[in-house]
PDB file of N, CA and C in Angstrom:
ATOM      1  N   MET A   1       4.357  -8.597 -15.662  1.00  0.00           N
ATOM      2  CA  MET A   1       5.156  -7.588 -16.329  1.00  0.00           C
ATOM      3  C   MET A   1       4.347  -6.307 -16.554  1.00  0.00           C
ATOM      4  N   LYS A   2       3.039  -6.450 -16.798  1.00  0.00           N
ATOM      5  CA  LYS A   2       2.210  -5.269 -17.027  1.00  0.00           C
ATOM      6  C   LYS A   2       2.144  -4.401 -15.766  1.00  0.00           C
ATOM      7  N   GLN A   3       2.078  -5.040 -14.595  1.00  0.00           N
ATOM      8  CA  GLN A   3       2.055  -4.281 -13.344  1.00  0.00           C
ATOM      9  C   GLN A   3       3.353  -3.492 -13.186  1.00  0.00           C
ATOM     10  N   ARG A   4       4.462  -4.135 -13.413  1.00  0.00           N
ATOM     11  CA  ARG A   4       5.767  -3.479 -13.291  1.00  0.00           C
ATOM     12  C   ARG A   4       5.896  -2.328 -14.294  1.00  0.00           C
ATOM     13  N   LEU A   5       5.472  -2.584 -15.522  1.00  0.00           N
ATOM     14  CA  LEU A   5       5.548  -1.570 -16.570  1.00  0.00           C
ATOM     15  C   LEU A   5       4.667  -0.369 -16.227  1.00  0.00           C
ATOM     16  N   GLY A   6       3.475  -0.626 -15.734  1.00  0.00           N
ATOM     17  CA  GLY A   6       2.566   0.459 -15.361  1.00  0.00           C
ATOM     18  C   GLY A   6       3.146   1.340 -14.272  1.00  0.00           C
ATOM     19  N   ILE A   7       3.740   0.738 -13.272  1.00  0.00           N
ATOM     20  CA  ILE A   7       4.353   1.513 -12.192  1.00  0.00           C
ATOM     21  C   ILE A   7       5.584   2.260 -12.705  1.00  0.00           C
ATOM     22  N   ALA A   8       6.373   1.616 -13.546  1.00  0.00           N
ATOM     23  CA  ALA A   8       7.558   2.278 -14.113  1.00  0.00           C
ATOM     24  C   ALA A   8       7.141   3.497 -14.943  1.00  0.00           C
ATOM     25  N   GLN A   9       6.097   3.362 -15.753  1.00  0.00           N
ATOM     26  CA  GLN A   9       5.613   4.486 -16.553  1.00  0.00           C
ATOM     27  C   GLN A   9       5.149   5.629 -15.656  1.00  0.00           C
ATOM     28  N   ALA A  10       4.429   5.296 -14.606  1.00  0.00           N
ATOM     29  CA  ALA A  10       3.910   6.317 -13.698  1.00  0.00           C
ATOM     30  C   ALA A  10       5.042   7.049 -12.982  1.00  0.00           C
ATOM     31  N   LEU A  11       6.135   6.358 -12.709  1.00  0.00           N
ATOM     32  CA  LEU A  11       7.242   6.959 -11.957  1.00  0.00           C
ATOM     33  C   LEU A  11       8.200   7.772 -12.835  1.00  0.00           C
ATOM     34  N   LEU A  12       8.086   7.655 -14.141  1.00  0.00           N
ATOM     35  CA  LEU A  12       8.991   8.389 -15.032  1.00  0.00           C
ATOM     36  C   LEU A  12       8.933   9.896 -14.810  1.00  0.00           C
ATOM     37  N   THR A  13       7.778  10.417 -14.476  1.00  0.00           N
ATOM     38  CA  THR A  13       7.625  11.865 -14.292  1.00  0.00           C
ATOM     39  C   THR A  13       7.887  12.306 -12.854  1.00  0.00           C
ATOM     40  N   GLN A  14       8.301  11.393 -12.005  1.00  0.00           N
ATOM     41  CA  GLN A  14       8.562  11.661 -10.590  1.00  0.00           C
ATOM     42  C   GLN A  14       7.381  12.383  -9.920  1.00  0.00           C
ATOM     43  N   PRO A  15       6.222  11.728  -9.907  1.00  0.00           N
ATOM     44  CA  PRO A  15       5.033  12.374  -9.344  1.00  0.00           C
ATOM     45  C   PRO A  15       5.142  12.542  -7.834  1.00  0.00           C
ATOM     46  N   LYS A  16       4.400  13.508  -7.311  1.00  0.00           N
ATOM     47  CA  LYS A  16       4.339  13.688  -5.857  1.00  0.00           C
ATOM     48  C   LYS A  16       3.354  12.714  -5.238  1.00  0.00           C
ATOM     49  N   LEU A  17       2.377  12.233  -6.049  1.00  0.00           N
ATOM     50  CA  LEU A  17       1.365  11.297  -5.590  1.00  0.00           C
ATOM     51  C   LEU A  17       1.203  10.193  -6.612  1.00  0.00           C
ATOM     52  N   LEU A  18       1.227   8.950  -6.140  1.00  0.00           N
ATOM     53  CA  LEU A  18       1.010   7.781  -6.990  1.00  0.00           C
ATOM     54  C   LEU A  18      -0.143   6.990  -6.402  1.00  0.00           C
ATOM     55  N   ILE A  19      -1.191   6.791  -7.196  1.00  0.00           N
ATOM     56  CA  ILE A  19      -2.357   6.044  -6.736  1.00  0.00           C
ATOM     57  C   ILE A  19      -2.375   4.701  -7.455  1.00  0.00           C
ATOM     58  N   CYS A  20      -2.378   3.622  -6.671  1.00  0.00           N
ATOM     59  CA  CYS A  20      -2.366   2.270  -7.225  1.00  0.00           C
ATOM     60  C   CYS A  20      -3.565   1.485  -6.686  1.00  0.00           C
ATOM     61  N   ASP A  21      -4.241   0.787  -7.558  1.00  0.00           N
ATOM     62  CA  ASP A  21      -5.352  -0.065  -7.165  1.00  0.00           C
ATOM     63  C   ASP A  21      -4.867  -1.509  -7.191  1.00  0.00           C
ATOM     64  N   GLU A  22      -4.669  -2.075  -6.028  1.00  0.00           N
ATOM     65  CA  GLU A  22      -4.191  -3.451  -5.868  1.00  0.00           C
ATOM     66  C   GLU A  22      -2.970  -3.740  -6.759  1.00  0.00           C
ATOM     67  N   PRO A  23      -1.863  -3.057  -6.507  1.00  0.00           N
ATOM     68  CA  PRO A  23      -0.693  -3.201  -7.373  1.00  0.00           C
ATOM     69  C   PRO A  23      -0.054  -4.588  -7.355  1.00  0.00           C
ATOM     70  N   THR A  24      -0.325  -5.390  -6.342  1.00  0.00           N
ATOM     71  CA  THR A  24       0.288  -6.727  -6.288  1.00  0.00           C
ATOM     72  C   THR A  24      -0.685  -7.823  -6.704  1.00  0.00           C
ATOM     73  N   ASN A  25      -1.859  -7.433  -7.181  1.00  0.00           N
ATOM     74  CA  ASN A  25      -2.861  -8.407  -7.580  1.00  0.00           C
ATOM     75  C   ASN A  25      -2.351  -9.292  -8.722  1.00  0.00           C
ATOM     76  N   ALA A  26      -2.542 -10.580  -8.592  1.00  0.00           N
ATOM     77  CA  ALA A  26      -2.208 -11.582  -9.611  1.00  0.00           C
ATOM     78  C   ALA A  26      -0.706 -11.704  -9.882  1.00  0.00           C
ATOM     79  N   LEU A  27       0.122 -11.305  -8.928  1.00  0.00           N
ATOM     80  CA  LEU A  27       1.573 -11.453  -9.095  1.00  0.00           C
ATOM     81  C   LEU A  27       2.072 -12.648  -8.300  1.00  0.00           C
ATOM     82  N   ASP A  28       3.140 -13.246  -8.782  1.00  0.00           N
ATOM     83  CA  ASP A  28       3.785 -14.309  -8.031  1.00  0.00           C
ATOM     84  C   ASP A  28       4.545 -13.681  -6.859  1.00  0.00           C
ATOM     85  N   PRO A  29       5.009 -14.485  -5.904  1.00  0.00           N
ATOM     86  CA  PRO A  29       5.693 -13.927  -4.730  1.00  0.00           C
ATOM     87  C   PRO A  29       6.875 -13.021  -5.064  1.00  0.00           C
ATOM     88  N   VAL A  30       7.645 -13.354  -6.072  1.00  0.00           N
ATOM     89  CA  VAL A  30       8.795 -12.529  -6.450  1.00  0.00           C
ATOM     90  C   VAL A  30       8.309 -11.186  -7.009  1.00  0.00           C
ATOM     91  N   GLY A  31       7.298 -11.213  -7.844  1.00  0.00           N
ATOM     92  CA  GLY A  31       6.738  -9.995  -8.400  1.00  0.00           C
ATOM     93  C   GLY A  31       6.122  -9.105  -7.332  1.00  0.00           C
ATOM     94  N   ARG A  32       5.440  -9.723  -6.373  1.00  0.00           N
ATOM     95  CA  ARG A  32       4.849  -8.967  -5.254  1.00  0.00           C
ATOM     96  C   ARG A  32       5.940  -8.234  -4.484  1.00  0.00           C
ATOM     97  N   LYS A  33       7.020  -8.960  -4.192  1.00  0.00           N
ATOM     98  CA  LYS A  33       8.121  -8.360  -3.443  1.00  0.00           C
ATOM     99  C   LYS A  33       8.735  -7.199  -4.215  1.00  0.00           C
ATOM    100  N   GLU A  34       8.921  -7.371  -5.512  1.00  0.00           N
ATOM    101  CA  GLU A  34       9.514  -6.320  -6.335  1.00  0.00           C
ATOM    102  C   GLU A  34       8.652  -5.049  -6.323  1.00  0.00           C
ATOM    103  N   ILE A  35       7.349  -5.213  -6.500  1.00  0.00           N
ATOM    104  CA  ILE A  35       6.444  -4.057  -6.520  1.00  0.00           C
ATOM    105  C   ILE A  35       6.432  -3.359  -5.163  1.00  0.00           C
ATOM    106  N   LEU A  36       6.350  -4.132  -4.087  1.00  0.00           N
ATOM    107  CA  LEU A  36       6.349  -3.539  -2.749  1.00  0.00           C
ATOM    108  C   LEU A  36       7.677  -2.852  -2.444  1.00  0.00           C
ATOM    109  N   ASP A  37       8.776  -3.434  -2.907  1.00  0.00           N
ATOM    110  CA  ASP A  37      10.084  -2.799  -2.729  1.00  0.00           C
ATOM    111  C   ASP A  37      10.143  -1.451  -3.449  1.00  0.00           C
ATOM    112  N   ILE A  38       9.599  -1.401  -4.660  1.00  0.00           N
ATOM    113  CA  ILE A  38       9.571  -0.148  -5.422  1.00  0.00           C
ATOM    114  C   ILE A  38       8.747   0.898  -4.682  1.00  0.00           C
ATOM    115  N   LEU A  39       7.560   0.521  -4.218  1.00  0.00           N
ATOM    116  CA  LEU A  39       6.702   1.470  -3.507  1.00  0.00           C
ATOM    117  C   LEU A  39       7.359   1.956  -2.229  1.00  0.00           C
ATOM    118  N   TYR A  40       8.083   1.084  -1.559  1.00  0.00           N
ATOM    119  CA  TYR A  40       8.769   1.480  -0.337  1.00  0.00           C
ATOM    120  C   TYR A  40       9.921   2.445  -0.643  1.00  0.00           C
ATOM    121  N   LYS A  41      10.664   2.153  -1.701  1.00  0.00           N
ATOM    122  CA  LYS A  41      11.825   2.980  -2.044  1.00  0.00           C
ATOM    123  C   LYS A  41      11.448   4.388  -2.474  1.00  0.00           C
ATOM    124  N   ILE A  42      10.289   4.564  -3.083  1.00  0.00           N
ATOM    125  CA  ILE A  42       9.901   5.891  -3.552  1.00  0.00           C
ATOM    126  C   ILE A  42       9.249   6.729  -2.458  1.00  0.00           C
ATOM    127  N   SER A  43       9.060   6.157  -1.284  1.00  0.00           N
ATOM    128  CA  SER A  43       8.313   6.846  -0.228  1.00  0.00           C
ATOM    129  C   SER A  43       8.954   8.157   0.212  1.00  0.00           C
ATOM    130  N   GLY A  44      10.232   8.335  -0.004  1.00  0.00           N
ATOM    131  CA  GLY A  44      10.887   9.579   0.375  1.00  0.00           C
ATOM    132  C   GLY A  44      10.545  10.747  -0.539  1.00  0.00           C
ATOM    133  N   MET A  45      10.157  10.440  -1.792  1.00  0.00           N
ATOM    134  CA  MET A  45       9.881  11.515  -2.740  1.00  0.00           C
ATOM    135  C   MET A  45       8.458  11.503  -3.289  1.00  0.00           C
ATOM    136  N   THR A  46       7.776  10.392  -3.142  1.00  0.00           N
ATOM    137  CA  THR A  46       6.423  10.246  -3.676  1.00  0.00           C
ATOM    138  C   THR A  46       5.523   9.631  -2.622  1.00  0.00           C
ATOM    139  N   THR A  47       4.339  10.195  -2.470  1.00  0.00           N
ATOM    140  CA  THR A  47       3.342   9.582  -1.601  1.00  0.00           C
ATOM    141  C   THR A  47       2.619   8.521  -2.418  1.00  0.00           C
ATOM    142  N   ALA A  48       2.664   7.289  -1.951  1.00  0.00           N
ATOM    143  CA  ALA A  48       1.987   6.193  -2.646  1.00  0.00           C
ATOM    144  C   ALA A  48       0.713   5.845  -1.882  1.00  0.00           C
ATOM    145  N   LEU A  49      -0.395   5.969  -2.562  1.00  0.00           N
ATOM    146  CA  LEU A  49      -1.690   5.611  -2.005  1.00  0.00           C
ATOM    147  C   LEU A  49      -2.134   4.367  -2.753  1.00  0.00           C
ATOM    148  N   PHE A  50      -2.333   3.287  -2.014  1.00  0.00           N
ATOM    149  CA  PHE A  50      -2.767   2.084  -2.709  1.00  0.00           C
ATOM    150  C   PHE A  50      -3.828   1.350  -1.920  1.00  0.00           C
ATOM    151  N   SER A  51      -4.682   0.693  -2.678  1.00  0.00           N
ATOM    152  CA  SER A  51      -5.734  -0.111  -2.059  1.00  0.00           C
ATOM    153  C   SER A  51      -5.321  -1.576  -2.129  1.00  0.00           C
ATOM    154  N   THR A  52      -5.646  -2.283  -1.066  1.00  0.00           N
ATOM    155  CA  THR A  52      -5.356  -3.713  -1.022  1.00  0.00           C
ATOM    156  C   THR A  52      -6.181  -4.348   0.076  1.00  0.00           C
ATOM    157  N   HIS A  53      -6.386  -5.623  -0.047  1.00  0.00           N
ATOM    158  CA  HIS A  53      -7.037  -6.383   1.020  1.00  0.00           C
ATOM    159  C   HIS A  53      -6.026  -7.285   1.720  1.00  0.00           C
ATOM    160  N   ILE A  54      -4.760  -7.154   1.344  1.00  0.00           N
ATOM    161  CA  ILE A  54      -3.701  -7.989   1.900  1.00  0.00           C
ATOM    162  C   ILE A  54      -2.982  -7.197   2.994  1.00  0.00           C
ATOM    163  N   LEU A  55      -3.313  -7.507   4.239  1.00  0.00           N
ATOM    164  CA  LEU A  55      -2.769  -6.748   5.364  1.00  0.00           C
ATOM    165  C   LEU A  55      -1.260  -6.861   5.492  1.00  0.00           C
ATOM    166  N   SER A  56      -0.690  -7.971   5.083  1.00  0.00           N
ATOM    167  CA  SER A  56       0.771  -8.103   5.178  1.00  0.00           C
ATOM    168  C   SER A  56       1.468  -7.095   4.259  1.00  0.00           C
ATOM    169  N   ASP A  57       0.858  -6.747   3.121  1.00  0.00           N
ATOM    170  CA  ASP A  57       1.419  -5.715   2.250  1.00  0.00           C
ATOM    171  C   ASP A  57       1.395  -4.367   2.954  1.00  0.00           C
ATOM    172  N   VAL A  58       0.304  -4.082   3.631  1.00  0.00           N
ATOM    173  CA  VAL A  58       0.167  -2.828   4.365  1.00  0.00           C
ATOM    174  C   VAL A  58       1.216  -2.755   5.469  1.00  0.00           C
ATOM    175  N   GLU A  59       1.348  -3.817   6.234  1.00  0.00           N
ATOM    176  CA  GLU A  59       2.318  -3.833   7.333  1.00  0.00           C
ATOM    177  C   GLU A  59       3.745  -3.695   6.832  1.00  0.00           C
ATOM    178  N   ARG A  60       4.003  -4.183   5.646  1.00  0.00           N
ATOM    179  CA  ARG A  60       5.363  -4.176   5.123  1.00  0.00           C
ATOM    180  C   ARG A  60       5.834  -2.793   4.695  1.00  0.00           C
ATOM    181  N   ILE A  61       4.949  -1.991   4.089  1.00  0.00           N
ATOM    182  CA  ILE A  61       5.443  -0.749   3.505  1.00  0.00           C
ATOM    183  C   ILE A  61       4.749   0.531   3.968  1.00  0.00           C
ATOM    184  N   CYS A  62       3.653   0.433   4.686  1.00  0.00           N
ATOM    185  CA  CYS A  62       2.897   1.646   5.035  1.00  0.00           C
ATOM    186  C   CYS A  62       3.286   2.209   6.391  1.00  0.00           C
ATOM    187  N   ASP A  63       3.282   3.537   6.469  1.00  0.00           N
ATOM    188  CA  ASP A  63       3.451   4.162   7.774  1.00  0.00           C
ATOM    189  C   ASP A  63       2.113   4.673   8.303  1.00  0.00           C
ATOM    190  N   HIS A  64       1.153   4.903   7.431  1.00  0.00           N
ATOM    191  CA  HIS A  64      -0.210   5.257   7.813  1.00  0.00           C
ATOM    192  C   HIS A  64      -1.181   4.403   7.014  1.00  0.00           C
ATOM    193  N   ALA A  65      -2.335   4.128   7.603  1.00  0.00           N
ATOM    194  CA  ALA A  65      -3.341   3.316   6.921  1.00  0.00           C
ATOM    195  C   ALA A  65      -4.730   3.832   7.262  1.00  0.00           C
ATOM    196  N   ALA A  66      -5.657   3.564   6.371  1.00  0.00           N
ATOM    197  CA  ALA A  66      -7.062   3.872   6.605  1.00  0.00           C
ATOM    198  C   ALA A  66      -7.860   2.648   6.172  1.00  0.00           C
ATOM    199  N   PHE A  67      -8.791   2.234   7.002  1.00  0.00           N
ATOM    200  CA  PHE A  67      -9.651   1.105   6.701  1.00  0.00           C
ATOM    201  C   PHE A  67     -11.041   1.629   6.393  1.00  0.00           C
ATOM    202  N   LEU A  68     -11.593   1.179   5.272  1.00  0.00           N
ATOM    203  CA  LEU A  68     -12.900   1.642   4.847  1.00  0.00           C
ATOM    204  C   LEU A  68     -13.980   0.633   5.230  1.00  0.00           C
ATOM    205  N   ASN A  69     -15.161   1.165   5.520  1.00  0.00           N
ATOM    206  CA  ASN A  69     -16.343   0.339   5.781  1.00  0.00           C
ATOM    207  C   ASN A  69     -17.519   1.087   5.180  1.00  0.00           C
ATOM    208  N   GLY A  70     -18.154   0.479   4.207  1.00  0.00           N
ATOM    209  CA  GLY A  70     -19.267   1.145   3.547  1.00  0.00           C
ATOM    210  C   GLY A  70     -18.863   2.386   2.791  1.00  0.00           C
ATOM    211  N   GLY A  71     -17.643   2.422   2.288  1.00  0.00           N
ATOM    212  CA  GLY A  71     -17.163   3.550   1.519  1.00  0.00           C
ATOM    213  C   GLY A  71     -16.692   4.739   2.346  1.00  0.00           C
ATOM    214  N   LYS A  72     -16.679   4.594   3.652  1.00  0.00           N
ATOM    215  CA  LYS A  72     -16.233   5.675   4.529  1.00  0.00           C
ATOM    216  C   LYS A  72     -15.075   5.188   5.394  1.00  0.00           C
ATOM    217  N   ILE A  73     -14.206   6.113   5.782  1.00  0.00           N
ATOM    218  CA  ILE A  73     -13.080   5.757   6.629  1.00  0.00           C
ATOM    219  C   ILE A  73     -13.601   5.378   8.013  1.00  0.00           C
ATOM    220  N   ALA A  74     -13.352   4.135   8.394  1.00  0.00           N
ATOM    221  CA  ALA A  74     -13.783   3.637   9.699  1.00  0.00           C
ATOM    222  C   ALA A  74     -12.683   3.814  10.736  1.00  0.00           C
ATOM    223  N   VAL A  75     -11.431   3.606  10.323  1.00  0.00           N
ATOM    224  CA  VAL A  75     -10.281   3.698  11.213  1.00  0.00           C
ATOM    225  C   VAL A  75      -9.108   4.221  10.398  1.00  0.00           C
ATOM    226  N   SER A  76      -8.337   5.127  10.990  1.00  0.00           N
ATOM    227  CA  SER A  76      -7.126   5.590  10.308  1.00  0.00           C
ATOM    228  C   SER A  76      -6.076   5.965  11.342  1.00  0.00           C
ATOM    229  N   GLY A  77      -4.831   5.980  10.911  1.00  0.00           N
ATOM    230  CA  GLY A  77      -3.717   6.337  11.773  1.00  0.00           C
ATOM    231  C   GLY A  77      -2.490   5.529  11.408  1.00  0.00           C
ATOM    232  N   THR A  78      -1.489   5.598  12.265  1.00  0.00           N
ATOM    233  CA  THR A  78      -0.318   4.752  12.044  1.00  0.00           C
ATOM    234  C   THR A  78      -0.717   3.325  12.387  1.00  0.00           C
ATOM    235  N   LEU A  79       0.025   2.386  11.894  1.00  0.00           N
ATOM    236  CA  LEU A  79      -0.303   0.987  12.186  1.00  0.00           C
ATOM    237  C   LEU A  79      -0.203   0.702  13.676  1.00  0.00           C
ATOM    238  N   ALA A  80       0.776   1.309  14.336  1.00  0.00           N
ATOM    239  CA  ALA A  80       0.927   1.113  15.778  1.00  0.00           C
ATOM    240  C   ALA A  80      -0.290   1.660  16.528  1.00  0.00           C
ATOM    241  N   GLU A  81      -0.778   2.838  16.116  1.00  0.00           N
ATOM    242  CA  GLU A  81      -1.960   3.418  16.762  1.00  0.00           C
ATOM    243  C   GLU A  81      -3.191   2.541  16.563  1.00  0.00           C
ATOM    244  N   ILE A  82      -3.373   2.066  15.353  1.00  0.00           N
ATOM    245  CA  ILE A  82      -4.540   1.239  15.046  1.00  0.00           C
ATOM    246  C   ILE A  82      -4.498  -0.051  15.844  1.00  0.00           C
ATOM    247  N   LYS A  83      -3.336  -0.678  15.902  1.00  0.00           N
ATOM    248  CA  LYS A  83      -3.211  -1.921  16.672  1.00  0.00           C
ATOM    249  C   LYS A  83      -3.413  -1.675  18.156  1.00  0.00           C
ATOM    250  N   ALA A  84      -2.899  -0.564  18.673  1.00  0.00           N
ATOM    251  CA  ALA A  84      -3.045  -0.264  20.101  1.00  0.00           C
ATOM    252  C   ALA A  84      -4.504   0.001  20.462  1.00  0.00           C
ATOM    253  N   LEU A  85      -5.219   0.703  19.605  1.00  0.00           N
ATOM    254  CA  LEU A  85      -6.603   1.054  19.897  1.00  0.00           C
ATOM    255  C   LEU A  85      -7.591  -0.081  19.654  1.00  0.00           C
ATOM    256  N   HIS A  86      -7.307  -0.898  18.647  1.00  0.00           N
ATOM    257  CA  HIS A  86      -8.283  -1.890  18.230  1.00  0.00           C
ATOM    258  C   HIS A  86      -7.815  -3.327  18.391  1.00  0.00           C
ATOM    259  N   GLY A  87      -6.582  -3.514  18.772  1.00  0.00           N
ATOM    260  CA  GLY A  87      -6.051  -4.858  18.950  1.00  0.00           C
ATOM    261  C   GLY A  87      -5.751  -5.521  17.621  1.00  0.00           C
ATOM    262  N   HIS A  88      -4.633  -6.171  17.554  1.00  0.00           N
ATOM    263  CA  HIS A  88      -4.190  -6.828  16.325  1.00  0.00           C
ATOM    264  C   HIS A  88      -5.179  -7.887  15.892  1.00  0.00           C
ATOM    265  N   GLU A  89      -5.745  -8.622  16.829  1.00  0.00           N
ATOM    266  CA  GLU A  89      -6.642  -9.731  16.474  1.00  0.00           C
ATOM    267  C   GLU A  89      -7.984  -9.245  15.952  1.00  0.00           C
ATOM    268  N   ASN A  90      -8.337  -7.961  16.164  1.00  0.00           N
ATOM    269  CA  ASN A  90      -9.608  -7.435  15.686  1.00  0.00           C
ATOM    270  C   ASN A  90      -9.534  -6.890  14.267  1.00  0.00           C
ATOM    271  N   ILE A  91      -8.366  -6.775  13.714  1.00  0.00           N
ATOM    272  CA  ILE A  91      -8.201  -6.243  12.362  1.00  0.00           C
ATOM    273  C   ILE A  91      -8.156  -7.409  11.400  1.00  0.00           C
ATOM    274  N   ARG A  92      -9.189  -7.515  10.606  1.00  0.00           N
ATOM    275  CA  ARG A  92      -9.301  -8.607   9.638  1.00  0.00           C
ATOM    276  C   ARG A  92      -9.694  -8.040   8.308  1.00  0.00           C
TER     277      ARG A  92
END
């Protein structure tokens, strides 16, 4: 509930940018789906930047992604571009 409340509070002002640090962390499957659905729905009016180690979350709602290595961007682009250049099996 705290995750949902935090995102709801942040969205009250209709920000242009929303930064989330692992927004689905410690949520049950239903809660994860709800949070990801919210982030997907706001994509038309708000840019959501979030960090996660769960690639299925990225594939579900992101149109662009950046992968960090040593604190620097190692790979970035659309998911299709990243998969085409680096192969799906190489992204872990």
